[in-house]
């Protein structure tokens, strides 16, 4: 019986890790999105400043 209960706890822990915003798996997409948005903003600022 202990192994079934332990398996259920492990499944719940892995589900909680995926929803945790500070989990290492979710940090990589946030880093990529942040870098992309930063460079996109810099390019947009360069375009707008060169137009005026």
Protein backbone atom coordinates (compact mmCIF):
# COMPACT_ATOMS: atom_id res chain seq x y z
CA UNK A 1 0.00 0.00 0.00
CA UNK A 2 2.85 2.39 0.69
CA UNK A 3 4.10 2.24 -2.88
CA UNK A 4 0.72 3.29 -4.30
CA UNK A 5 0.48 6.19 -1.87
CA UNK A 6 4.07 7.19 -2.63
CA UNK A 7 3.37 7.07 -6.39
CA UNK A 8 0.37 9.35 -5.89
CA UNK A 9 2.48 11.80 -3.88
CA UNK A 10 5.19 11.75 -6.56
CA UNK A 11 2.60 12.48 -9.25
CA UNK A 12 1.22 15.39 -7.21
CA UNK A 13 4.73 16.74 -6.59
CA UNK A 14 5.58 16.66 -10.29
CA UNK A 15 2.29 18.40 -11.12
CA UNK A 16 3.06 21.07 -8.53
CA UNK A 17 6.56 21.56 -9.95
CA UNK A 18 5.13 22.23 -13.40
CA UNK A 19 2.77 24.91 -12.10
CA UNK A 20 5.45 26.54 -9.94
CA UNK A 21 6.64 29.65 -11.83
CA UNK A 22 10.10 29.28 -10.31
CA UNK A 23 10.53 25.66 -11.46
CA UNK A 24 13.64 25.24 -13.58
CA UNK A 25 11.61 23.89 -16.50
CA UNK A 26 9.56 27.08 -16.77
CA UNK A 27 12.54 29.42 -16.38
CA UNK A 28 13.97 28.68 -19.84
CA UNK A 29 10.87 29.76 -21.83
CA UNK A 30 10.55 32.87 -19.65
CA UNK A 31 14.21 33.72 -20.29
CA UNK A 32 13.79 33.26 -24.06
CA UNK A 33 10.60 35.34 -24.08
CA UNK A 34 12.26 38.09 -22.05
CA UNK A 35 15.28 38.27 -24.34
CA UNK A 36 13.08 38.27 -27.45
CA UNK A 37 10.87 41.04 -26.08
CA UNK A 38 13.90 43.08 -25.03
CA UNK A 39 15.49 42.90 -28.47
CA UNK A 40 12.11 43.52 -30.12
CA UNK A 41 11.67 46.63 -28.04
CA UNK A 42 15.15 47.89 -28.88
CA UNK A 43 14.56 47.35 -32.59
CA UNK A 44 11.20 49.11 -32.39
CA UNK A 45 12.82 52.04 -30.57
CA UNK A 46 15.51 52.29 -33.27
CA UNK A 47 12.87 52.23 -36.02
CA UNK A 48 10.79 54.94 -34.35
CA UNK A 49 13.79 57.17 -33.64
CA UNK A 50 15.13 56.89 -37.18
CA UNK A 51 11.71 57.78 -38.67
CA UNK A 52 11.38 61.08 -36.82
